[in-house]
Amino acid sequence: MPSTLILNMLTITPVPAFSDNYIWFIRQAGQRQVAIVDPGDAAPVLAALQREKLEPAALLITHHHGDHVGGIRHLLEHYPGLPVYGPAGERIPQITQRLSDGDRVRVEALDTEFEVFDVPGHTAGHIAYYTDHALFCGDTLFTCGCGRVFDGSVEQLHASLQRLRRLPPETRIYCAHEYTLENIGFAKWVEPDNAELLARERAALHEREADRPTVPAELALELATNPFLRTDDAGVISMAERHAGRPMRDAQDTFITLRRWKDVEYD
């Protein structure tokens, strides 16, 4: 499997799916049992399990969209009784343990505990899993961007990102899509002179040319380059005001302006 990363004793590996999804495998280094995050497609998961001689220990689901849950039923046919953890507030029939903010999930086979965060916005019941400076955040926070709003609200999404930005700066962001270069394109509209952003673009281009993922990224890099986490920055506020043709009232107003700007004119 490509681009395995070892975070302390956890080995975290992306399994590519569809055109740009990442399904995450989490296991203890040298062990066969894995937790699987957001298996939207069973085929690449089953292929990776067979190829690497691994056994699934749990499924961790962040939200209800098909590219995150579409493989659950097929995986349960192969592994009946596999525990499926997921958001209490979303309709995912295969969930065996429904989770809300502050819950903790212990996967005994990994000797690892995950803290659950409610991070609504992209969807109304979206959750994230956090352990040992690794954040599995689905479609809430992307590398150099954030998710669109579907059945949540833009105000919820802003609050969720404000919560995530307070995590330790060394936290690694394991989001569910390879969107970095696309997101950098919009970020350059907002901050065309951000030197760290331009350096990030060069690094991301190098990784993609080598067919390597740009995910994960450290939160510190997001705080320096992701406009949706920089809504208190004077330059970002100024560009939002220029785009909207009016003063920004606060950070939430700036965030809403940026999200609508990207939705309407960039995506």
C-alpha atoms as a PDB file:
ATOM      1  CA  MET A   1       0.000   0.000   0.000  1.00  0.00           C
ATOM      2  CA  PRO A   2       1.287   3.529  -0.738  1.00  0.00           C
ATOM      3  CA  SER A   3       2.735   6.144   1.583  1.00  0.00           C
ATOM      4  CA  THR A   4       2.542   4.409   4.934  1.00  0.00           C
ATOM      5  CA  LEU A   5       3.239   6.781   7.822  1.00  0.00           C
ATOM      6  CA  ILE A   6       4.228   5.727  11.335  1.00  0.00           C
ATOM      7  CA  LEU A   7       2.940   8.020  14.071  1.00  0.00           C
ATOM      8  CA  ASN A   8       4.526   6.844  17.319  1.00  0.00           C
ATOM      9  CA  MET A   9       3.446   3.175  17.275  1.00  0.00           C
ATOM     10  CA  LEU A  10       0.505   3.588  14.880  1.00  0.00           C
ATOM     11  CA  THR A  11       0.933   2.833  11.199  1.00  0.00           C
ATOM     12  CA  ILE A  12      -1.505   4.865   9.086  1.00  0.00           C
ATOM     13  CA  THR A  13      -1.900   4.062   5.406  1.00  0.00           C
ATOM     14  CA  PRO A  14      -4.124   5.559   2.705  1.00  0.00           C
ATOM     15  CA  VAL A  15      -6.103   3.236   0.455  1.00  0.00           C
ATOM     16  CA  PRO A  16      -7.061   5.213  -2.676  1.00  0.00           C
ATOM     17  CA  ALA A  17     -10.670   4.879  -3.849  1.00  0.00           C
ATOM     18  CA  PHE A  18     -12.792   6.403  -6.617  1.00  0.00           C
ATOM     19  CA  SER A  19     -11.052   9.364  -8.263  1.00  0.00           C
ATOM     20  CA  ASP A  20      -9.720  11.180  -5.188  1.00  0.00           C
ATOM     21  CA  ASN A  21     -10.861   9.500  -1.934  1.00  0.00           C
ATOM     22  CA  TYR A  22      -8.609   8.144   0.764  1.00  0.00           C
ATOM     23  CA  ILE A  23      -9.775   5.301   3.004  1.00  0.00           C
ATOM     24  CA  TRP A  24      -7.485   5.120   6.033  1.00  0.00           C
ATOM     25  CA  PHE A  25      -6.023   1.947   7.539  1.00  0.00           C
ATOM     26  CA  ILE A  26      -4.830   2.327  11.159  1.00  0.00           C
ATOM     27  CA  ARG A  27      -2.871  -0.379  12.952  1.00  0.00           C
ATOM     28  CA  GLN A  28      -0.112  -0.961  15.442  1.00  0.00           C
ATOM     29  CA  ALA A  29       3.234  -1.334  13.706  1.00  0.00           C
ATOM     30  CA  GLY A  30       3.833  -4.982  12.899  1.00  0.00           C
ATOM     31  CA  GLN A  31       0.298  -6.084  13.765  1.00  0.00           C
ATOM     32  CA  ARG A  32      -2.338  -7.551  11.421  1.00  0.00           C
ATOM     33  CA  GLN A  33      -5.497  -5.959  12.833  1.00  0.00           C
ATOM     34  CA  VAL A  34      -6.602  -2.658  11.318  1.00  0.00           C
ATOM     35  CA  ALA A  35      -9.263  -0.034  11.951  1.00  0.00           C
ATOM     36  CA  ILE A  36     -10.671   1.288   8.689  1.00  0.00           C
ATOM     37  CA  VAL A  37     -11.895   4.873   8.336  1.00  0.00           C
ATOM     38  CA  ASP A  38     -14.717   5.670   5.889  1.00  0.00           C
ATOM     39  CA  PRO A  39     -14.747   2.651   3.551  1.00  0.00           C
ATOM     40  CA  GLY A  40     -16.758   4.161   0.721  1.00  0.00           C
ATOM     41  CA  ASP A  41     -15.779   1.320  -1.628  1.00  0.00           C
ATOM     42  CA  ALA A  42     -15.239  -2.246  -0.463  1.00  0.00           C
ATOM     43  CA  ALA A  43     -13.187  -3.423  -3.465  1.00  0.00           C
ATOM     44  CA  PRO A  44      -9.922  -1.562  -2.757  1.00  0.00           C
ATOM     45  CA  VAL A  45     -10.272  -2.316   0.963  1.00  0.00           C
ATOM     46  CA  LEU A  46     -10.661  -6.050   0.388  1.00  0.00           C
ATOM     47  CA  ALA A  47      -7.773  -6.034  -2.084  1.00  0.00           C
ATOM     48  CA  ALA A  48      -5.507  -4.245   0.408  1.00  0.00           C
ATOM     49  CA  LEU A  49      -6.508  -6.565   3.264  1.00  0.00           C
ATOM     50  CA  GLN A  50      -5.720  -9.615   1.156  1.00  0.00           C
ATOM     51  CA  ARG A  51      -2.498  -8.216  -0.257  1.00  0.00           C
ATOM     52  CA  GLU A  52      -1.137  -7.205   3.135  1.00  0.00           C
ATOM     53  CA  LYS A  53      -2.636 -10.200   5.005  1.00  0.00           C
ATOM     54  CA  LEU A  54      -4.556  -7.930   7.383  1.00  0.00           C
ATOM     55  CA  GLU A  55      -7.759  -8.390   9.378  1.00  0.00           C
ATOM     56  CA  PRO A  56     -10.260  -5.595  10.035  1.00  0.00           C
ATOM     57  CA  ALA A  57     -10.898  -4.840  13.711  1.00  0.00           C
ATOM     58  CA  ALA A  58     -13.393  -1.966  13.370  1.00  0.00           C
ATOM     59  CA  LEU A  59     -14.915   0.506  10.932  1.00  0.00           C
ATOM     60  CA  LEU A  60     -14.835   4.182  11.913  1.00  0.00           C
ATOM     61  CA  ILE A  61     -17.373   6.295  10.002  1.00  0.00           C
ATOM     62  CA  THR A  62     -17.424  10.100   9.963  1.00  0.00           C
ATOM     63  CA  HIS A  63     -20.640  10.869   8.046  1.00  0.00           C
ATOM     64  CA  HIS A  64     -23.350   9.442   5.815  1.00  0.00           C
ATOM     65  CA  HIS A  65     -22.242  10.338   2.275  1.00  0.00           C
ATOM     66  CA  GLY A  66     -22.004   7.406  -0.103  1.00  0.00           C
ATOM     67  CA  ASP A  67     -18.298   7.757  -0.815  1.00  0.00           C
ATOM     68  CA  HIS A  68     -17.721   7.191   2.915  1.00  0.00           C
ATOM     69  CA  VAL A  69     -20.235   4.450   3.708  1.00  0.00           C
ATOM     70  CA  GLY A  70     -20.833   2.660   0.399  1.00  0.00           C
ATOM     71  CA  GLY A  71     -18.525  -0.276   1.183  1.00  0.00           C
ATOM     72  CA  ILE A  72     -19.844  -1.093   4.657  1.00  0.00           C
ATOM     73  CA  ARG A  73     -22.480  -3.636   3.638  1.00  0.00           C
ATOM     74  CA  HIS A  74     -20.097  -5.597   1.423  1.00  0.00           C
ATOM     75  CA  LEU A  75     -17.386  -5.620   4.096  1.00  0.00           C
ATOM     76  CA  LEU A  76     -19.848  -6.934   6.674  1.00  0.00           C
ATOM     77  CA  GLU A  77     -20.731  -9.762   4.306  1.00  0.00           C
ATOM     78  CA  HIS A  78     -17.056 -10.773   4.366  1.00  0.00           C
ATOM     79  CA  TYR A  79     -16.545 -10.010   8.072  1.00  0.00           C
ATOM     80  CA  PRO A  80     -19.846 -10.530   9.947  1.00  0.00           C
ATOM     81  CA  GLY A  81     -19.853  -9.113  13.437  1.00  0.00           C
ATOM     82  CA  LEU A  82     -17.310  -6.401  12.612  1.00  0.00           C
ATOM     83  CA  PRO A  83     -18.057  -3.397  14.856  1.00  0.00           C
ATOM     84  CA  VAL A  84     -19.107  -0.260  13.018  1.00  0.00           C
ATOM     85  CA  TYR A  85     -18.727   3.048  14.863  1.00  0.00           C
ATOM     86  CA  GLY A  86     -20.361   6.182  13.534  1.00  0.00           C
ATOM     87  CA  PRO A  87     -22.283   9.385  14.194  1.00  0.00           C
ATOM     88  CA  ALA A  88     -25.357   9.176  16.396  1.00  0.00           C
ATOM     89  CA  GLY A  89     -27.072  11.920  14.414  1.00  0.00           C
ATOM     90  CA  GLU A  90     -26.928  10.373  10.938  1.00  0.00           C
ATOM     91  CA  ARG A  91     -28.863   7.580   9.241  1.00  0.00           C
ATOM     92  CA  ILE A  92     -26.319   4.838   8.674  1.00  0.00           C
ATOM     93  CA  PRO A  93     -28.139   1.568   9.326  1.00  0.00           C
ATOM     94  CA  GLN A  94     -25.060  -0.626   9.759  1.00  0.00           C
ATOM     95  CA  ILE A  95     -23.711   1.330  12.749  1.00  0.00           C
ATOM     96  CA  THR A  96     -23.408  -0.866  15.843  1.00  0.00           C
ATOM     97  CA  GLN A  97     -22.222   1.890  18.207  1.00  0.00           C
ATOM     98  CA  ARG A  98     -23.517   5.432  17.753  1.00  0.00           C
ATOM     99  CA  LEU A  99     -21.164   8.170  18.887  1.00  0.00           C
ATOM    100  CA  SER A 100     -21.493  11.763  20.052  1.00  0.00           C
ATOM    101  CA  ASP A 101     -19.133  14.502  21.170  1.00  0.00           C
ATOM    102  CA  GLY A 102     -16.882  13.446  24.025  1.00  0.00           C
ATOM    103  CA  ASP A 103     -17.352   9.719  23.534  1.00  0.00           C
ATOM    104  CA  ARG A 104     -14.279   7.532  23.447  1.00  0.00           C
ATOM    105  CA  VAL A 105     -13.784   4.506  21.247  1.00  0.00           C
ATOM    106  CA  ARG A 106     -11.282   1.907  22.343  1.00  0.00           C
ATOM    107  CA  VAL A 107     -10.181  -0.518  19.642  1.00  0.00           C
ATOM    108  CA  GLU A 108      -8.624  -3.257  21.714  1.00  0.00           C
ATOM    109  CA  ALA A 109      -6.862  -4.915  18.777  1.00  0.00           C
ATOM    110  CA  LEU A 110      -4.953  -1.660  18.236  1.00  0.00           C
ATOM    111  CA  ASP A 111      -4.544  -0.879  21.947  1.00  0.00           C
ATOM    112  CA  THR A 112      -5.724   2.591  20.922  1.00  0.00           C
ATOM    113  CA  GLU A 113      -8.443   4.957  22.092  1.00  0.00           C
ATOM    114  CA  PHE A 114     -10.057   7.570  19.878  1.00  0.00           C
ATOM    115  CA  GLU A 115     -11.750  10.709  21.164  1.00  0.00           C
ATOM    116  CA  VAL A 116     -14.892  11.714  19.264  1.00  0.00           C
ATOM    117  CA  PHE A 117     -15.611  15.302  18.233  1.00  0.00           C
ATOM    118  CA  ASP A 118     -18.902  16.570  16.857  1.00  0.00           C
ATOM    119  CA  VAL A 119     -17.911  18.651  13.800  1.00  0.00           C
ATOM    120  CA  PRO A 120     -21.165  19.478  11.984  1.00  0.00           C
ATOM    121  CA  GLY A 121     -21.355  21.657   8.907  1.00  0.00           C
ATOM    122  CA  HIS A 122     -20.529  19.530   5.886  1.00  0.00           C
ATOM    123  CA  THR A 123     -23.324  17.312   7.204  1.00  0.00           C
ATOM    124  CA  ALA A 124     -25.456  17.920  10.261  1.00  0.00           C
ATOM    125  CA  GLY A 125     -24.126  14.931  12.220  1.00  0.00           C
ATOM    126  CA  HIS A 126     -20.493  14.750  11.050  1.00  0.00           C
ATOM    127  CA  ILE A 127     -17.971  13.493  13.623  1.00  0.00           C
ATOM    128  CA  ALA A 128     -14.179  13.234  13.732  1.00  0.00           C
ATOM    129  CA  TYR A 129     -11.826  10.818  15.514  1.00  0.00           C
ATOM    130  CA  TYR A 130      -8.691  11.987  17.326  1.00  0.00           C
ATOM    131  CA  THR A 131      -5.848   9.975  18.779  1.00  0.00           C
ATOM    132  CA  ASP A 132      -2.211  10.712  19.527  1.00  0.00           C
ATOM    133  CA  HIS A 133      -2.023  13.867  17.373  1.00  0.00           C
ATOM    134  CA  ALA A 134      -3.831  12.232  14.441  1.00  0.00           C
ATOM    135  CA  LEU A 135      -7.191  13.645  13.345  1.00  0.00           C
ATOM    136  CA  PHE A 136      -9.496  11.690  11.037  1.00  0.00           C
ATOM    137  CA  CYS A 137     -11.856  14.441   9.976  1.00  0.00           C
ATOM    138  CA  GLY A 138     -13.678  13.131   6.902  1.00  0.00           C
ATOM    139  CA  ASP A 139     -14.870  16.082   4.825  1.00  0.00           C
ATOM    140  CA  THR A 140     -14.878  18.800   7.510  1.00  0.00           C
ATOM    141  CA  LEU A 141     -11.302  20.051   7.198  1.00  0.00           C
ATOM    142  CA  PHE A 142      -9.337  19.467   4.016  1.00  0.00           C
ATOM    143  CA  THR A 143      -5.688  20.145   3.300  1.00  0.00           C
ATOM    144  CA  CYS A 144      -5.687  23.882   2.485  1.00  0.00           C
ATOM    145  CA  GLY A 145      -9.500  23.938   2.420  1.00  0.00           C
ATOM    146  CA  CYS A 146     -12.725  22.734   3.982  1.00  0.00           C
ATOM    147  CA  GLY A 147     -15.821  20.841   2.960  1.00  0.00           C
ATOM    148  CA  ARG A 148     -18.881  22.215   1.245  1.00  0.00           C
ATOM    149  CA  VAL A 149     -22.054  22.619   3.263  1.00  0.00           C
ATOM    150  CA  PHE A 150     -24.742  20.037   2.509  1.00  0.00           C
ATOM    151  CA  ASP A 151     -27.283  19.292   5.255  1.00  0.00           C
ATOM    152  CA  GLY A 152     -25.414  21.188   7.954  1.00  0.00           C
ATOM    153  CA  SER A 153     -24.964  24.956   8.068  1.00  0.00           C
ATOM    154  CA  VAL A 154     -22.105  27.270   7.215  1.00  0.00           C
ATOM    155  CA  GLU A 155     -22.219  28.628  10.769  1.00  0.00           C
ATOM    156  CA  GLN A 156     -21.786  25.096  12.119  1.00  0.00           C
ATOM    157  CA  LEU A 157     -18.868  24.469   9.771  1.00  0.00           C
ATOM    158  CA  HIS A 158     -17.121  27.638  10.920  1.00  0.00           C
ATOM    159  CA  ALA A 159     -17.552  26.649  14.571  1.00  0.00           C
ATOM    160  CA  SER A 160     -16.251  23.144  13.849  1.00  0.00           C
ATOM    161  CA  LEU A 161     -13.123  24.485  12.163  1.00  0.00           C
ATOM    162  CA  GLN A 162     -12.535  26.929  14.980  1.00  0.00           C
ATOM    163  CA  ARG A 163     -12.576  23.979  17.339  1.00  0.00           C
ATOM    164  CA  LEU A 164     -10.163  21.939  15.237  1.00  0.00           C
ATOM    165  CA  ARG A 165      -7.729  24.825  14.835  1.00  0.00           C
ATOM    166  CA  ARG A 166      -7.166  24.748  18.609  1.00  0.00           C
ATOM    167  CA  LEU A 167      -5.695  21.244  18.514  1.00  0.00           C
ATOM    168  CA  PRO A 168      -1.920  20.947  18.969  1.00  0.00           C
ATOM    169  CA  PRO A 169      -0.091  22.341  15.909  1.00  0.00           C
ATOM    170  CA  GLU A 170       1.711  19.030  15.366  1.00  0.00           C
ATOM    171  CA  THR A 171      -1.632  17.282  14.822  1.00  0.00           C
ATOM    172  CA  ARG A 172      -1.727  15.500  11.462  1.00  0.00           C
ATOM    173  CA  ILE A 173      -4.841  16.019   9.368  1.00  0.00           C
ATOM    174  CA  TYR A 174      -6.064  12.797   7.763  1.00  0.00           C
ATOM    175  CA  CYS A 175      -8.878  14.057   5.568  1.00  0.00           C
ATOM    176  CA  ALA A 176     -10.735  11.958   3.015  1.00  0.00           C
ATOM    177  CA  HIS A 177      -9.837  13.523  -0.332  1.00  0.00           C
ATOM    178  CA  GLU A 178      -6.850  14.525  -2.450  1.00  0.00           C
ATOM    179  CA  TYR A 179      -7.883  18.152  -2.919  1.00  0.00           C
ATOM    180  CA  THR A 180      -4.706  19.974  -1.907  1.00  0.00           C
ATOM    181  CA  LEU A 181      -3.691  21.500  -5.234  1.00  0.00           C
ATOM    182  CA  GLU A 182      -7.257  22.497  -6.082  1.00  0.00           C
ATOM    183  CA  ASN A 183      -7.612  24.134  -2.676  1.00  0.00           C
ATOM    184  CA  ILE A 184      -4.286  25.909  -3.015  1.00  0.00           C
ATOM    185  CA  GLY A 185      -5.597  27.453  -6.225  1.00  0.00           C
ATOM    186  CA  PHE A 186      -8.373  29.185  -4.326  1.00  0.00           C
ATOM    187  CA  ALA A 187      -6.122  30.022  -1.382  1.00  0.00           C
ATOM    188  CA  LYS A 188      -3.877  31.924  -3.824  1.00  0.00           C
ATOM    189  CA  TRP A 189      -6.846  34.089  -4.793  1.00  0.00           C
ATOM    190  CA  VAL A 190      -7.178  35.021  -1.132  1.00  0.00           C
ATOM    191  CA  GLU A 191      -3.470  35.320  -0.283  1.00  0.00           C
ATOM    192  CA  PRO A 192      -1.468  35.662  -3.520  1.00  0.00           C
ATOM    193  CA  ASP A 193       1.637  36.826  -1.645  1.00  0.00           C
ATOM    194  CA  ASN A 194       1.658  34.203   1.122  1.00  0.00           C
ATOM    195  CA  ALA A 195       5.182  32.781   0.826  1.00  0.00           C
ATOM    196  CA  GLU A 196       4.362  29.656   2.835  1.00  0.00           C
ATOM    197  CA  LEU A 197       1.385  28.986   0.586  1.00  0.00           C
ATOM    198  CA  LEU A 198       3.522  29.298  -2.557  1.00  0.00           C
ATOM    199  CA  ALA A 199       6.108  26.943  -1.038  1.00  0.00           C
ATOM    200  CA  ARG A 200       3.325  24.520  -0.185  1.00  0.00           C
ATOM    201  CA  GLU A 201       2.153  24.567  -3.783  1.00  0.00           C
ATOM    202  CA  ARG A 202       5.625  23.655  -5.017  1.00  0.00           C
ATOM    203  CA  ALA A 203       5.866  20.812  -2.510  1.00  0.00           C
ATOM    204  CA  ALA A 204       2.395  19.504  -3.383  1.00  0.00           C
ATOM    205  CA  LEU A 205       3.148  19.576  -7.093  1.00  0.00           C
ATOM    206  CA  HIS A 206       6.305  17.558  -6.452  1.00  0.00           C
ATOM    207  CA  GLU A 207       4.352  14.942  -4.475  1.00  0.00           C
ATOM    208  CA  ARG A 208       1.596  14.609  -7.056  1.00  0.00           C
ATOM    209  CA  GLU A 209       4.058  14.384  -9.957  1.00  0.00           C
ATOM    210  CA  ALA A 210       5.585  11.442  -8.091  1.00  0.00           C
ATOM    211  CA  ASP A 211       2.089   9.958  -7.614  1.00  0.00           C
ATOM    212  CA  ARG A 212       2.291  10.401  -3.854  1.00  0.00           C
ATOM    213  CA  PRO A 213      -0.495  11.773  -1.621  1.00  0.00           C
ATOM    214  CA  THR A 214      -0.297  15.247  -0.150  1.00  0.00           C
ATOM    215  CA  VAL A 215      -2.314  14.042   2.854  1.00  0.00           C
ATOM    216  CA  PRO A 216      -1.749  14.124   5.793  1.00  0.00           C
ATOM    217  CA  ALA A 217      -0.558  17.615   6.618  1.00  0.00           C
ATOM    218  CA  GLU A 218       0.305  19.119   9.965  1.00  0.00           C
ATOM    219  CA  LEU A 219      -2.161  21.551  11.482  1.00  0.00           C
ATOM    220  CA  ALA A 220       0.669  24.089  11.765  1.00  0.00           C
ATOM    221  CA  LEU A 221       0.878  24.173   7.965  1.00  0.00           C
ATOM    222  CA  GLU A 222      -2.895  24.583   7.723  1.00  0.00           C
ATOM    223  CA  LEU A 223      -2.788  27.503  10.125  1.00  0.00           C
ATOM    224  CA  ALA A 224      -0.183  29.171   7.906  1.00  0.00           C
ATOM    225  CA  THR A 225      -1.822  28.516   4.516  1.00  0.00           C
ATOM    226  CA  ASN A 226      -5.485  27.481   4.764  1.00  0.00           C
ATOM    227  CA  PRO A 227      -7.687  30.581   4.377  1.00  0.00           C
ATOM    228  CA  PHE A 228     -10.622  28.912   6.126  1.00  0.00           C
ATOM    229  CA  LEU A 229      -8.509  28.681   9.295  1.00  0.00           C
ATOM    230  CA  ARG A 230      -7.116  32.204   8.849  1.00  0.00           C
ATOM    231  CA  THR A 231     -10.285  34.266   9.133  1.00  0.00           C
ATOM    232  CA  ASP A 232      -8.675  36.465  11.818  1.00  0.00           C
ATOM    233  CA  ASP A 233      -5.746  37.381   9.539  1.00  0.00           C
ATOM    234  CA  ALA A 234      -5.783  41.006   8.378  1.00  0.00           C
ATOM    235  CA  GLY A 235      -4.888  40.135   4.786  1.00  0.00           C
ATOM    236  CA  VAL A 236      -7.580  37.458   4.544  1.00  0.00           C
ATOM    237  CA  ILE A 237     -10.157  39.840   6.020  1.00  0.00           C
ATOM    238  CA  SER A 238      -9.137  42.540   3.534  1.00  0.00           C
ATOM    239  CA  MET A 239      -9.578  40.212   0.548  1.00  0.00           C
ATOM    240  CA  ALA A 240     -12.960  39.033   1.858  1.00  0.00           C
ATOM    241  CA  GLU A 241     -14.043  42.656   2.209  1.00  0.00           C
ATOM    242  CA  ARG A 242     -12.851  43.450  -1.299  1.00  0.00           C
ATOM    243  CA  HIS A 243     -14.769  40.487  -2.694  1.00  0.00           C
ATOM    244  CA  ALA A 244     -17.975  41.241  -0.741  1.00  0.00           C
ATOM    245  CA  GLY A 245     -17.766  45.019  -1.216  1.00  0.00           C
ATOM    246  CA  ARG A 246     -18.410  45.665   2.475  1.00  0.00           C
ATOM    247  CA  PRO A 247     -16.664  45.429   5.848  1.00  0.00           C
ATOM    248  CA  MET A 248     -16.517  42.055   7.589  1.00  0.00           C
ATOM    249  CA  ARG A 249     -18.355  41.964  10.930  1.00  0.00           C
ATOM    250  CA  ASP A 250     -16.304  39.164  12.514  1.00  0.00           C
ATOM    251  CA  ALA A 251     -14.418  35.926  11.781  1.00  0.00           C
ATOM    252  CA  GLN A 252     -17.623  34.028  11.039  1.00  0.00           C
ATOM    253  CA  ASP A 253     -18.663  36.632   8.486  1.00  0.00           C
ATOM    254  CA  THR A 254     -15.249  36.333   6.857  1.00  0.00           C
ATOM    255  CA  PHE A 255     -15.554  32.541   6.768  1.00  0.00           C
ATOM    256  CA  ILE A 256     -19.023  32.648   5.218  1.00  0.00           C
ATOM    257  CA  THR A 257     -17.801  35.100   2.592  1.00  0.00           C
ATOM    258  CA  LEU A 258     -14.850  32.863   1.689  1.00  0.00           C
ATOM    259  CA  ARG A 259     -16.960  29.704   1.533  1.00  0.00           C
ATOM    260  CA  ARG A 260     -19.552  31.329  -0.740  1.00  0.00           C
ATOM    261  CA  TRP A 261     -16.810  32.886  -2.870  1.00  0.00           C
ATOM    262  CA  LYS A 262     -15.259  29.477  -3.443  1.00  0.00           C
ATOM    263  CA  ASP A 263     -18.639  27.815  -4.024  1.00  0.00           C
ATOM    264  CA  VAL A 264     -19.785  30.325  -6.634  1.00  0.00           C
ATOM    265  CA  GLU A 265     -16.664  31.433  -8.455  1.00  0.00           C
ATOM    266  CA  TYR A 266     -13.990  28.774  -8.004  1.00  0.00           C
ATOM    267  CA  ASP A 267     -15.520  25.288  -7.689  1.00  0.00           C
END
